[in-house]
Amino acid sequence: LNIIAIENRGDVMDSIRPDYIFRR
């Protein structure tokens, strides 16, 4: 699977860094 975006509380990040830490 390829992550194309991450959303959290309405904020969307479409450039995903390898060191991004997943949040609840």
PDBML (XML) file of the C-alpha atoms, coordinates in Angstrom:
<?xml version="1.0" encoding="UTF-8" ?>
<PDBx:datablock datablockName="MODEL"
   xmlns:PDBx="http://pdbml.pdb.org/schema/pdbx-v50.xsd"
   xmlns:xsi="http://www.w3.org/2001/XMLSchema-instance"
   xsi:schemaLocation="http://pdbml.pdb.org/schema/pdbx-v50.xsd pdbx-v50.xsd">
   <PDBx:atom_siteCategory>
      <PDBx:atom_site id="1">
         <PDBx:B_iso_or_equiv>0.00</PDBx:B_iso_or_equiv>
         <PDBx:Cartn_x>0.000</PDBx:Cartn_x>
         <PDBx:Cartn_y>0.000</PDBx:Cartn_y>
         <PDBx:Cartn_z>0.000</PDBx:Cartn_z>
         <PDBx:auth_asym_id>A</PDBx:auth_asym_id>
         <PDBx:auth_atom_id>CA</PDBx:auth_atom_id>
         <PDBx:auth_comp_id>LEU</PDBx:auth_comp_id>
         <PDBx:auth_seq_id>1</PDBx:auth_seq_id>
         <PDBx:group_PDB>ATOM</PDBx:group_PDB>
         <PDBx:label_alt_id xsi:nil="true" />
         <PDBx:label_asym_id>A</PDBx:label_asym_id>
         <PDBx:label_atom_id>CA</PDBx:label_atom_id>
         <PDBx:label_comp_id>LEU</PDBx:label_comp_id>
         <PDBx:label_entity_id>1</PDBx:label_entity_id>
         <PDBx:label_seq_id>1</PDBx:label_seq_id>
         <PDBx:occupancy>1.00</PDBx:occupancy>
         <PDBx:pdbx_PDB_model_num>1</PDBx:pdbx_PDB_model_num>
         <PDBx:type_symbol>C</PDBx:type_symbol>
      </PDBx:atom_site>
      <PDBx:atom_site id="2">
         <PDBx:B_iso_or_equiv>0.00</PDBx:B_iso_or_equiv>
         <PDBx:Cartn_x>1.169</PDBx:Cartn_x>
         <PDBx:Cartn_y>3.524</PDBx:Cartn_y>
         <PDBx:Cartn_z>-0.802</PDBx:Cartn_z>
         <PDBx:auth_asym_id>A</PDBx:auth_asym_id>
         <PDBx:auth_atom_id>CA</PDBx:auth_atom_id>
         <PDBx:auth_comp_id>ASN</PDBx:auth_comp_id>
         <PDBx:auth_seq_id>2</PDBx:auth_seq_id>
         <PDBx:group_PDB>ATOM</PDBx:group_PDB>
         <PDBx:label_alt_id xsi:nil="true" />
         <PDBx:label_asym_id>A</PDBx:label_asym_id>
         <PDBx:label_atom_id>CA</PDBx:label_atom_id>
         <PDBx:label_comp_id>ASN</PDBx:label_comp_id>
         <PDBx:label_entity_id>1</PDBx:label_entity_id>
         <PDBx:label_seq_id>2</PDBx:label_seq_id>
         <PDBx:occupancy>1.00</PDBx:occupancy>
         <PDBx:pdbx_PDB_model_num>1</PDBx:pdbx_PDB_model_num>
         <PDBx:type_symbol>C</PDBx:type_symbol>
      </PDBx:atom_site>
      <PDBx:atom_site id="3">
         <PDBx:B_iso_or_equiv>0.00</PDBx:B_iso_or_equiv>
         <PDBx:Cartn_x>0.207</PDBx:Cartn_x>
         <PDBx:Cartn_y>6.329</PDBx:Cartn_y>
         <PDBx:Cartn_z>1.573</PDBx:Cartn_z>
         <PDBx:auth_asym_id>A</PDBx:auth_asym_id>
         <PDBx:auth_atom_id>CA</PDBx:auth_atom_id>
         <PDBx:auth_comp_id>ILE</PDBx:auth_comp_id>
         <PDBx:auth_seq_id>3</PDBx:auth_seq_id>
         <PDBx:group_PDB>ATOM</PDBx:group_PDB>
         <PDBx:label_alt_id xsi:nil="true" />
         <PDBx:label_asym_id>A</PDBx:label_asym_id>
         <PDBx:label_atom_id>CA</PDBx:label_atom_id>
         <PDBx:label_comp_id>ILE</PDBx:label_comp_id>
         <PDBx:label_entity_id>1</PDBx:label_entity_id>
         <PDBx:label_seq_id>3</PDBx:label_seq_id>
         <PDBx:occupancy>1.00</PDBx:occupancy>
         <PDBx:pdbx_PDB_model_num>1</PDBx:pdbx_PDB_model_num>
         <PDBx:type_symbol>C</PDBx:type_symbol>
      </PDBx:atom_site>
      <PDBx:atom_site id="4">
         <PDBx:B_iso_or_equiv>0.00</PDBx:B_iso_or_equiv>
         <PDBx:Cartn_x>-0.898</PDBx:Cartn_x>
         <PDBx:Cartn_y>9.292</PDBx:Cartn_y>
         <PDBx:Cartn_z>-0.544</PDBx:Cartn_z>
         <PDBx:auth_asym_id>A</PDBx:auth_asym_id>
         <PDBx:auth_atom_id>CA</PDBx:auth_atom_id>
         <PDBx:auth_comp_id>ILE</PDBx:auth_comp_id>
         <PDBx:auth_seq_id>4</PDBx:auth_seq_id>
         <PDBx:group_PDB>ATOM</PDBx:group_PDB>
         <PDBx:label_alt_id xsi:nil="true" />
         <PDBx:label_asym_id>A</PDBx:label_asym_id>
         <PDBx:label_atom_id>CA</PDBx:label_atom_id>
         <PDBx:label_comp_id>ILE</PDBx:label_comp_id>
         <PDBx:label_entity_id>1</PDBx:label_entity_id>
         <PDBx:label_seq_id>4</PDBx:label_seq_id>
         <PDBx:occupancy>1.00</PDBx:occupancy>
         <PDBx:pdbx_PDB_model_num>1</PDBx:pdbx_PDB_model_num>
         <PDBx:type_symbol>C</PDBx:type_symbol>
      </PDBx:atom_site>
      <PDBx:atom_site id="5">
         <PDBx:B_iso_or_equiv>0.00</PDBx:B_iso_or_equiv>
         <PDBx:Cartn_x>-2.134</PDBx:Cartn_x>
         <PDBx:Cartn_y>11.556</PDBx:Cartn_y>
         <PDBx:Cartn_z>2.269</PDBx:Cartn_z>
         <PDBx:auth_asym_id>A</PDBx:auth_asym_id>
         <PDBx:auth_atom_id>CA</PDBx:auth_atom_id>
         <PDBx:auth_comp_id>ALA</PDBx:auth_comp_id>
         <PDBx:auth_seq_id>5</PDBx:auth_seq_id>
         <PDBx:group_PDB>ATOM</PDBx:group_PDB>
         <PDBx:label_alt_id xsi:nil="true" />
         <PDBx:label_asym_id>A</PDBx:label_asym_id>
         <PDBx:label_atom_id>CA</PDBx:label_atom_id>
         <PDBx:label_comp_id>ALA</PDBx:label_comp_id>
         <PDBx:label_entity_id>1</PDBx:label_entity_id>
         <PDBx:label_seq_id>5</PDBx:label_seq_id>
         <PDBx:occupancy>1.00</PDBx:occupancy>
         <PDBx:pdbx_PDB_model_num>1</PDBx:pdbx_PDB_model_num>
         <PDBx:type_symbol>C</PDBx:type_symbol>
      </PDBx:atom_site>
      <PDBx:atom_site id="6">
         <PDBx:B_iso_or_equiv>0.00</PDBx:B_iso_or_equiv>
         <PDBx:Cartn_x>-2.686</PDBx:Cartn_x>
         <PDBx:Cartn_y>11.722</PDBx:Cartn_y>
         <PDBx:Cartn_z>6.022</PDBx:Cartn_z>
         <PDBx:auth_asym_id>A</PDBx:auth_asym_id>
         <PDBx:auth_atom_id>CA</PDBx:auth_atom_id>
         <PDBx:auth_comp_id>ILE</PDBx:auth_comp_id>
         <PDBx:auth_seq_id>6</PDBx:auth_seq_id>
         <PDBx:group_PDB>ATOM</PDBx:group_PDB>
         <PDBx:label_alt_id xsi:nil="true" />
         <PDBx:label_asym_id>A</PDBx:label_asym_id>
         <PDBx:label_atom_id>CA</PDBx:label_atom_id>
         <PDBx:label_comp_id>ILE</PDBx:label_comp_id>
         <PDBx:label_entity_id>1</PDBx:label_entity_id>
         <PDBx:label_seq_id>6</PDBx:label_seq_id>
         <PDBx:occupancy>1.00</PDBx:occupancy>
         <PDBx:pdbx_PDB_model_num>1</PDBx:pdbx_PDB_model_num>
         <PDBx:type_symbol>C</PDBx:type_symbol>
      </PDBx:atom_site>
      <PDBx:atom_site id="7">
         <PDBx:B_iso_or_equiv>0.00</PDBx:B_iso_or_equiv>
         <PDBx:Cartn_x>-5.519</PDBx:Cartn_x>
         <PDBx:Cartn_y>13.679</PDBx:Cartn_y>
         <PDBx:Cartn_z>7.655</PDBx:Cartn_z>
         <PDBx:auth_asym_id>A</PDBx:auth_asym_id>
         <PDBx:auth_atom_id>CA</PDBx:auth_atom_id>
         <PDBx:auth_comp_id>GLU</PDBx:auth_comp_id>
         <PDBx:auth_seq_id>7</PDBx:auth_seq_id>
         <PDBx:group_PDB>ATOM</PDBx:group_PDB>
         <PDBx:label_alt_id xsi:nil="true" />
         <PDBx:label_asym_id>A</PDBx:label_asym_id>
         <PDBx:label_atom_id>CA</PDBx:label_atom_id>
         <PDBx:label_comp_id>GLU</PDBx:label_comp_id>
         <PDBx:label_entity_id>1</PDBx:label_entity_id>
         <PDBx:label_seq_id>7</PDBx:label_seq_id>
         <PDBx:occupancy>1.00</PDBx:occupancy>
         <PDBx:pdbx_PDB_model_num>1</PDBx:pdbx_PDB_model_num>
         <PDBx:type_symbol>C</PDBx:type_symbol>
      </PDBx:atom_site>
      <PDBx:atom_site id="8">
         <PDBx:B_iso_or_equiv>0.00</PDBx:B_iso_or_equiv>
         <PDBx:Cartn_x>-5.743</PDBx:Cartn_x>
         <PDBx:Cartn_y>14.651</PDBx:Cartn_y>
         <PDBx:Cartn_z>11.308</PDBx:Cartn_z>
         <PDBx:auth_asym_id>A</PDBx:auth_asym_id>
         <PDBx:auth_atom_id>CA</PDBx:auth_atom_id>
         <PDBx:auth_comp_id>ASN</PDBx:auth_comp_id>
         <PDBx:auth_seq_id>8</PDBx:auth_seq_id>
         <PDBx:group_PDB>ATOM</PDBx:group_PDB>
         <PDBx:label_alt_id xsi:nil="true" />
         <PDBx:label_asym_id>A</PDBx:label_asym_id>
         <PDBx:label_atom_id>CA</PDBx:label_atom_id>
         <PDBx:label_comp_id>ASN</PDBx:label_comp_id>
         <PDBx:label_entity_id>1</PDBx:label_entity_id>
         <PDBx:label_seq_id>8</PDBx:label_seq_id>
         <PDBx:occupancy>1.00</PDBx:occupancy>
         <PDBx:pdbx_PDB_model_num>1</PDBx:pdbx_PDB_model_num>
         <PDBx:type_symbol>C</PDBx:type_symbol>
      </PDBx:atom_site>
      <PDBx:atom_site id="9">
         <PDBx:B_iso_or_equiv>0.00</PDBx:B_iso_or_equiv>
         <PDBx:Cartn_x>-8.424</PDBx:Cartn_x>
         <PDBx:Cartn_y>16.969</PDBx:Cartn_y>
         <PDBx:Cartn_z>12.737</PDBx:Cartn_z>
         <PDBx:auth_asym_id>A</PDBx:auth_asym_id>
         <PDBx:auth_atom_id>CA</PDBx:auth_atom_id>
         <PDBx:auth_comp_id>ARG</PDBx:auth_comp_id>
         <PDBx:auth_seq_id>9</PDBx:auth_seq_id>
         <PDBx:group_PDB>ATOM</PDBx:group_PDB>
         <PDBx:label_alt_id xsi:nil="true" />
         <PDBx:label_asym_id>A</PDBx:label_asym_id>
         <PDBx:label_atom_id>CA</PDBx:label_atom_id>
         <PDBx:label_comp_id>ARG</PDBx:label_comp_id>
         <PDBx:label_entity_id>1</PDBx:label_entity_id>
         <PDBx:label_seq_id>9</PDBx:label_seq_id>
         <PDBx:occupancy>1.00</PDBx:occupancy>
         <PDBx:pdbx_PDB_model_num>1</PDBx:pdbx_PDB_model_num>
         <PDBx:type_symbol>C</PDBx:type_symbol>
      </PDBx:atom_site>
      <PDBx:atom_site id="10">
         <PDBx:B_iso_or_equiv>0.00</PDBx:B_iso_or_equiv>
         <PDBx:Cartn_x>-9.144</PDBx:Cartn_x>
         <PDBx:Cartn_y>18.493</PDBx:Cartn_y>
         <PDBx:Cartn_z>9.357</PDBx:Cartn_z>
         <PDBx:auth_asym_id>A</PDBx:auth_asym_id>
         <PDBx:auth_atom_id>CA</PDBx:auth_atom_id>
         <PDBx:auth_comp_id>GLY</PDBx:auth_comp_id>
         <PDBx:auth_seq_id>10</PDBx:auth_seq_id>
         <PDBx:group_PDB>ATOM</PDBx:group_PDB>
         <PDBx:label_alt_id xsi:nil="true" />
         <PDBx:label_asym_id>A</PDBx:label_asym_id>
         <PDBx:label_atom_id>CA</PDBx:label_atom_id>
         <PDBx:label_comp_id>GLY</PDBx:label_comp_id>
         <PDBx:label_entity_id>1</PDBx:label_entity_id>
         <PDBx:label_seq_id>10</PDBx:label_seq_id>
         <PDBx:occupancy>1.00</PDBx:occupancy>
         <PDBx:pdbx_PDB_model_num>1</PDBx:pdbx_PDB_model_num>
         <PDBx:type_symbol>C</PDBx:type_symbol>
      </PDBx:atom_site>
      <PDBx:atom_site id="11">
         <PDBx:B_iso_or_equiv>0.00</PDBx:B_iso_or_equiv>
         <PDBx:Cartn_x>-5.515</PDBx:Cartn_x>
         <PDBx:Cartn_y>19.094</PDBx:Cartn_y>
         <PDBx:Cartn_z>8.397</PDBx:Cartn_z>
         <PDBx:auth_asym_id>A</PDBx:auth_asym_id>
         <PDBx:auth_atom_id>CA</PDBx:auth_atom_id>
         <PDBx:auth_comp_id>ASP</PDBx:auth_comp_id>
         <PDBx:auth_seq_id>11</PDBx:auth_seq_id>
         <PDBx:group_PDB>ATOM</PDBx:group_PDB>
         <PDBx:label_alt_id xsi:nil="true" />
         <PDBx:label_asym_id>A</PDBx:label_asym_id>
         <PDBx:label_atom_id>CA</PDBx:label_atom_id>
         <PDBx:label_comp_id>ASP</PDBx:label_comp_id>
         <PDBx:label_entity_id>1</PDBx:label_entity_id>
         <PDBx:label_seq_id>11</PDBx:label_seq_id>
         <PDBx:occupancy>1.00</PDBx:occupancy>
         <PDBx:pdbx_PDB_model_num>1</PDBx:pdbx_PDB_model_num>
         <PDBx:type_symbol>C</PDBx:type_symbol>
      </PDBx:atom_site>
      <PDBx:atom_site id="12">
         <PDBx:B_iso_or_equiv>0.00</PDBx:B_iso_or_equiv>
         <PDBx:Cartn_x>-4.348</PDBx:Cartn_x>
         <PDBx:Cartn_y>17.126</PDBx:Cartn_y>
         <PDBx:Cartn_z>5.356</PDBx:Cartn_z>
         <PDBx:auth_asym_id>A</PDBx:auth_asym_id>
         <PDBx:auth_atom_id>CA</PDBx:auth_atom_id>
         <PDBx:auth_comp_id>VAL</PDBx:auth_comp_id>
         <PDBx:auth_seq_id>12</PDBx:auth_seq_id>
         <PDBx:group_PDB>ATOM</PDBx:group_PDB>
         <PDBx:label_alt_id xsi:nil="true" />
         <PDBx:label_asym_id>A</PDBx:label_asym_id>
         <PDBx:label_atom_id>CA</PDBx:label_atom_id>
         <PDBx:label_comp_id>VAL</PDBx:label_comp_id>
         <PDBx:label_entity_id>1</PDBx:label_entity_id>
         <PDBx:label_seq_id>12</PDBx:label_seq_id>
         <PDBx:occupancy>1.00</PDBx:occupancy>
         <PDBx:pdbx_PDB_model_num>1</PDBx:pdbx_PDB_model_num>
         <PDBx:type_symbol>C</PDBx:type_symbol>
      </PDBx:atom_site>
      <PDBx:atom_site id="13">
         <PDBx:B_iso_or_equiv>0.00</PDBx:B_iso_or_equiv>
         <PDBx:Cartn_x>-0.711</PDBx:Cartn_x>
         <PDBx:Cartn_y>16.366</PDBx:Cartn_y>
         <PDBx:Cartn_z>4.637</PDBx:Cartn_z>
         <PDBx:auth_asym_id>A</PDBx:auth_asym_id>
         <PDBx:auth_atom_id>CA</PDBx:auth_atom_id>
         <PDBx:auth_comp_id>MET</PDBx:auth_comp_id>
         <PDBx:auth_seq_id>13</PDBx:auth_seq_id>
         <PDBx:group_PDB>ATOM</PDBx:group_PDB>
         <PDBx:label_alt_id xsi:nil="true" />
         <PDBx:label_asym_id>A</PDBx:label_asym_id>
         <PDBx:label_atom_id>CA</PDBx:label_atom_id>
         <PDBx:label_comp_id>MET</PDBx:label_comp_id>
         <PDBx:label_entity_id>1</PDBx:label_entity_id>
         <PDBx:label_seq_id>13</PDBx:label_seq_id>
         <PDBx:occupancy>1.00</PDBx:occupancy>
         <PDBx:pdbx_PDB_model_num>1</PDBx:pdbx_PDB_model_num>
         <PDBx:type_symbol>C</PDBx:type_symbol>
      </PDBx:atom_site>
      <PDBx:atom_site id="14">
         <PDBx:B_iso_or_equiv>0.00</PDBx:B_iso_or_equiv>
         <PDBx:Cartn_x>0.020</PDBx:Cartn_x>
         <PDBx:Cartn_y>15.112</PDBx:Cartn_y>
         <PDBx:Cartn_z>1.107</PDBx:Cartn_z>
         <PDBx:auth_asym_id>A</PDBx:auth_asym_id>
         <PDBx:auth_atom_id>CA</PDBx:auth_atom_id>
         <PDBx:auth_comp_id>ASP</PDBx:auth_comp_id>
         <PDBx:auth_seq_id>14</PDBx:auth_seq_id>
         <PDBx:group_PDB>ATOM</PDBx:group_PDB>
         <PDBx:label_alt_id xsi:nil="true" />
         <PDBx:label_asym_id>A</PDBx:label_asym_id>
         <PDBx:label_atom_id>CA</PDBx:label_atom_id>
         <PDBx:label_comp_id>ASP</PDBx:label_comp_id>
         <PDBx:label_entity_id>1</PDBx:label_entity_id>
         <PDBx:label_seq_id>14</PDBx:label_seq_id>
         <PDBx:occupancy>1.00</PDBx:occupancy>
         <PDBx:pdbx_PDB_model_num>1</PDBx:pdbx_PDB_model_num>
         <PDBx:type_symbol>C</PDBx:type_symbol>
      </PDBx:atom_site>
      <PDBx:atom_site id="15">
         <PDBx:B_iso_or_equiv>0.00</PDBx:B_iso_or_equiv>
         <PDBx:Cartn_x>3.813</PDBx:Cartn_x>
         <PDBx:Cartn_y>14.964</PDBx:Cartn_y>
         <PDBx:Cartn_z>1.323</PDBx:Cartn_z>
         <PDBx:auth_asym_id>A</PDBx:auth_asym_id>
         <PDBx:auth_atom_id>CA</PDBx:auth_atom_id>
         <PDBx:auth_comp_id>SER</PDBx:auth_comp_id>
         <PDBx:auth_seq_id>15</PDBx:auth_seq_id>
         <PDBx:group_PDB>ATOM</PDBx:group_PDB>
         <PDBx:label_alt_id xsi:nil="true" />
         <PDBx:label_asym_id>A</PDBx:label_asym_id>
         <PDBx:label_atom_id>CA</PDBx:label_atom_id>
         <PDBx:label_comp_id>SER</PDBx:label_comp_id>
         <PDBx:label_entity_id>1</PDBx:label_entity_id>
         <PDBx:label_seq_id>15</PDBx:label_seq_id>
         <PDBx:occupancy>1.00</PDBx:occupancy>
         <PDBx:pdbx_PDB_model_num>1</PDBx:pdbx_PDB_model_num>
         <PDBx:type_symbol>C</PDBx:type_symbol>
      </PDBx:atom_site>
      <PDBx:atom_site id="16">
         <PDBx:B_iso_or_equiv>0.00</PDBx:B_iso_or_equiv>
         <PDBx:Cartn_x>4.636</PDBx:Cartn_x>
         <PDBx:Cartn_y>12.064</PDBx:Cartn_y>
         <PDBx:Cartn_z>3.640</PDBx:Cartn_z>
         <PDBx:auth_asym_id>A</PDBx:auth_asym_id>
         <PDBx:auth_atom_id>CA</PDBx:auth_atom_id>
         <PDBx:auth_comp_id>ILE</PDBx:auth_comp_id>
         <PDBx:auth_seq_id>16</PDBx:auth_seq_id>
         <PDBx:group_PDB>ATOM</PDBx:group_PDB>
         <PDBx:label_alt_id xsi:nil="true" />
         <PDBx:label_asym_id>A</PDBx:label_asym_id>
         <PDBx:label_atom_id>CA</PDBx:label_atom_id>
         <PDBx:label_comp_id>ILE</PDBx:label_comp_id>
         <PDBx:label_entity_id>1</PDBx:label_entity_id>
         <PDBx:label_seq_id>16</PDBx:label_seq_id>
         <PDBx:occupancy>1.00</PDBx:occupancy>
         <PDBx:pdbx_PDB_model_num>1</PDBx:pdbx_PDB_model_num>
         <PDBx:type_symbol>C</PDBx:type_symbol>
      </PDBx:atom_site>
      <PDBx:atom_site id="17">
         <PDBx:B_iso_or_equiv>0.00</PDBx:B_iso_or_equiv>
         <PDBx:Cartn_x>8.119</PDBx:Cartn_x>
         <PDBx:Cartn_y>11.898</PDBx:Cartn_y>
         <PDBx:Cartn_z>5.134</PDBx:Cartn_z>
         <PDBx:auth_asym_id>A</PDBx:auth_asym_id>
         <PDBx:auth_atom_id>CA</PDBx:auth_atom_id>
         <PDBx:auth_comp_id>ARG</PDBx:auth_comp_id>
         <PDBx:auth_seq_id>17</PDBx:auth_seq_id>
         <PDBx:group_PDB>ATOM</PDBx:group_PDB>
         <PDBx:label_alt_id xsi:nil="true" />
         <PDBx:label_asym_id>A</PDBx:label_asym_id>
         <PDBx:label_atom_id>CA</PDBx:label_atom_id>
         <PDBx:label_comp_id>ARG</PDBx:label_comp_id>
         <PDBx:label_entity_id>1</PDBx:label_entity_id>
         <PDBx:label_seq_id>17</PDBx:label_seq_id>
         <PDBx:occupancy>1.00</PDBx:occupancy>
         <PDBx:pdbx_PDB_model_num>1</PDBx:pdbx_PDB_model_num>
         <PDBx:type_symbol>C</PDBx:type_symbol>
      </PDBx:atom_site>
      <PDBx:atom_site id="18">
         <PDBx:B_iso_or_equiv>0.00</PDBx:B_iso_or_equiv>
         <PDBx:Cartn_x>9.629</PDBx:Cartn_x>
         <PDBx:Cartn_y>8.541</PDBx:Cartn_y>
         <PDBx:Cartn_z>6.206</PDBx:Cartn_z>
         <PDBx:auth_asym_id>A</PDBx:auth_asym_id>
         <PDBx:auth_atom_id>CA</PDBx:auth_atom_id>
         <PDBx:auth_comp_id>PRO</PDBx:auth_comp_id>
         <PDBx:auth_seq_id>18</PDBx:auth_seq_id>
         <PDBx:group_PDB>ATOM</PDBx:group_PDB>
         <PDBx:label_alt_id xsi:nil="true" />
         <PDBx:label_asym_id>A</PDBx:label_asym_id>
         <PDBx:label_atom_id>CA</PDBx:label_atom_id>
         <PDBx:label_comp_id>PRO</PDBx:label_comp_id>
         <PDBx:label_entity_id>1</PDBx:label_entity_id>
         <PDBx:label_seq_id>18</PDBx:label_seq_id>
         <PDBx:occupancy>1.00</PDBx:occupancy>
         <PDBx:pdbx_PDB_model_num>1</PDBx:pdbx_PDB_model_num>
         <PDBx:type_symbol>C</PDBx:type_symbol>
      </PDBx:atom_site>
      <PDBx:atom_site id="19">
         <PDBx:B_iso_or_equiv>0.00</PDBx:B_iso_or_equiv>
         <PDBx:Cartn_x>10.195</PDBx:Cartn_x>
         <PDBx:Cartn_y>9.919</PDBx:Cartn_y>
         <PDBx:Cartn_z>9.719</PDBx:Cartn_z>
         <PDBx:auth_asym_id>A</PDBx:auth_asym_id>
         <PDBx:auth_atom_id>CA</PDBx:auth_atom_id>
         <PDBx:auth_comp_id>ASP</PDBx:auth_comp_id>
         <PDBx:auth_seq_id>19</PDBx:auth_seq_id>
         <PDBx:group_PDB>ATOM</PDBx:group_PDB>
         <PDBx:label_alt_id xsi:nil="true" />
         <PDBx:label_asym_id>A</PDBx:label_asym_id>
         <PDBx:label_atom_id>CA</PDBx:label_atom_id>
         <PDBx:label_comp_id>ASP</PDBx:label_comp_id>
         <PDBx:label_entity_id>1</PDBx:label_entity_id>
         <PDBx:label_seq_id>19</PDBx:label_seq_id>
         <PDBx:occupancy>1.00</PDBx:occupancy>
         <PDBx:pdbx_PDB_model_num>1</PDBx:pdbx_PDB_model_num>
         <PDBx:type_symbol>C</PDBx:type_symbol>
      </PDBx:atom_site>
      <PDBx:atom_site id="20">
         <PDBx:B_iso_or_equiv>0.00</PDBx:B_iso_or_equiv>
         <PDBx:Cartn_x>6.563</PDBx:Cartn_x>
         <PDBx:Cartn_y>10.989</PDBx:Cartn_y>
         <PDBx:Cartn_z>10.218</PDBx:Cartn_z>
         <PDBx:auth_asym_id>A</PDBx:auth_asym_id>
         <PDBx:auth_atom_id>CA</PDBx:auth_atom_id>
         <PDBx:auth_comp_id>TYR</PDBx:auth_comp_id>
         <PDBx:auth_seq_id>20</PDBx:auth_seq_id>
         <PDBx:group_PDB>ATOM</PDBx:group_PDB>
         <PDBx:label_alt_id xsi:nil="true" />
         <PDBx:label_asym_id>A</PDBx:label_asym_id>
         <PDBx:label_atom_id>CA</PDBx:label_atom_id>
         <PDBx:label_comp_id>TYR</PDBx:label_comp_id>
         <PDBx:label_entity_id>1</PDBx:label_entity_id>
         <PDBx:label_seq_id>20</PDBx:label_seq_id>
         <PDBx:occupancy>1.00</PDBx:occupancy>
         <PDBx:pdbx_PDB_model_num>1</PDBx:pdbx_PDB_model_num>
         <PDBx:type_symbol>C</PDBx:type_symbol>
      </PDBx:atom_site>
      <PDBx:atom_site id="21">
         <PDBx:B_iso_or_equiv>0.00</PDBx:B_iso_or_equiv>
         <PDBx:Cartn_x>5.245</PDBx:Cartn_x>
         <PDBx:Cartn_y>9.558</PDBx:Cartn_y>
         <PDBx:Cartn_z>13.506</PDBx:Cartn_z>
         <PDBx:auth_asym_id>A</PDBx:auth_asym_id>
         <PDBx:auth_atom_id>CA</PDBx:auth_atom_id>
         <PDBx:auth_comp_id>ILE</PDBx:auth_comp_id>
         <PDBx:auth_seq_id>21</PDBx:auth_seq_id>
         <PDBx:group_PDB>ATOM</PDBx:group_PDB>
         <PDBx:label_alt_id xsi:nil="true" />
         <PDBx:label_asym_id>A</PDBx:label_asym_id>
         <PDBx:label_atom_id>CA</PDBx:label_atom_id>
         <PDBx:label_comp_id>ILE</PDBx:label_comp_id>
         <PDBx:label_entity_id>1</PDBx:label_entity_id>
         <PDBx:label_seq_id>21</PDBx:label_seq_id>
         <PDBx:occupancy>1.00</PDBx:occupancy>
         <PDBx:pdbx_PDB_model_num>1</PDBx:pdbx_PDB_model_num>
         <PDBx:type_symbol>C</PDBx:type_symbol>
      </PDBx:atom_site>
      <PDBx:atom_site id="22">
         <PDBx:B_iso_or_equiv>0.00</PDBx:B_iso_or_equiv>
         <PDBx:Cartn_x>1.688</PDBx:Cartn_x>
         <PDBx:Cartn_y>8.285</PDBx:Cartn_y>
         <PDBx:Cartn_z>13.335</PDBx:Cartn_z>
         <PDBx:auth_asym_id>A</PDBx:auth_asym_id>
         <PDBx:auth_atom_id>CA</PDBx:auth_atom_id>
         <PDBx:auth_comp_id>PHE</PDBx:auth_comp_id>
         <PDBx:auth_seq_id>22</PDBx:auth_seq_id>
         <PDBx:group_PDB>ATOM</PDBx:group_PDB>
         <PDBx:label_alt_id xsi:nil="true" />
         <PDBx:label_asym_id>A</PDBx:label_asym_id>
         <PDBx:label_atom_id>CA</PDBx:label_atom_id>
         <PDBx:label_comp_id>PHE</PDBx:label_comp_id>
         <PDBx:label_entity_id>1</PDBx:label_entity_id>
         <PDBx:label_seq_id>22</PDBx:label_seq_id>
         <PDBx:occupancy>1.00</PDBx:occupancy>
         <PDBx:pdbx_PDB_model_num>1</PDBx:pdbx_PDB_model_num>
         <PDBx:type_symbol>C</PDBx:type_symbol>
      </PDBx:atom_site>
      <PDBx:atom_site id="23">
         <PDBx:B_iso_or_equiv>0.00</PDBx:B_iso_or_equiv>
         <PDBx:Cartn_x>-0.678</PDBx:Cartn_x>
         <PDBx:Cartn_y>9.966</PDBx:Cartn_y>
         <PDBx:Cartn_z>15.789</PDBx:Cartn_z>
         <PDBx:auth_asym_id>A</PDBx:auth_asym_id>
         <PDBx:auth_atom_id>CA</PDBx:auth_atom_id>
         <PDBx:auth_comp_id>ARG</PDBx:auth_comp_id>
         <PDBx:auth_seq_id>23</PDBx:auth_seq_id>
         <PDBx:group_PDB>ATOM</PDBx:group_PDB>
         <PDBx:label_alt_id xsi:nil="true" />
         <PDBx:label_asym_id>A</PDBx:label_asym_id>
         <PDBx:label_atom_id>CA</PDBx:label_atom_id>
         <PDBx:label_comp_id>ARG</PDBx:label_comp_id>
         <PDBx:label_entity_id>1</PDBx:label_entity_id>
         <PDBx:label_seq_id>23</PDBx:label_seq_id>
         <PDBx:occupancy>1.00</PDBx:occupancy>
         <PDBx:pdbx_PDB_model_num>1</PDBx:pdbx_PDB_model_num>
         <PDBx:type_symbol>C</PDBx:type_symbol>
      </PDBx:atom_site>
      <PDBx:atom_site id="24">
         <PDBx:B_iso_or_equiv>0.00</PDBx:B_iso_or_equiv>
         <PDBx:Cartn_x>-3.937</PDBx:Cartn_x>
         <PDBx:Cartn_y>8.869</PDBx:Cartn_y>
         <PDBx:Cartn_z>17.361</PDBx:Cartn_z>
         <PDBx:auth_asym_id>A</PDBx:auth_asym_id>
         <PDBx:auth_atom_id>CA</PDBx:auth_atom_id>
         <PDBx:auth_comp_id>ARG</PDBx:auth_comp_id>
         <PDBx:auth_seq_id>24</PDBx:auth_seq_id>
         <PDBx:group_PDB>ATOM</PDBx:group_PDB>
         <PDBx:label_alt_id xsi:nil="true" />
         <PDBx:label_asym_id>A</PDBx:label_asym_id>
         <PDBx:label_atom_id>CA</PDBx:label_atom_id>
         <PDBx:label_comp_id>ARG</PDBx:label_comp_id>
         <PDBx:label_entity_id>1</PDBx:label_entity_id>
         <PDBx:label_seq_id>24</PDBx:label_seq_id>
         <PDBx:occupancy>1.00</PDBx:occupancy>
         <PDBx:pdbx_PDB_model_num>1</PDBx:pdbx_PDB_model_num>
         <PDBx:type_symbol>C</PDBx:type_symbol>
      </PDBx:atom_site>
   </PDBx:atom_siteCategory>
</PDBx:datablock>
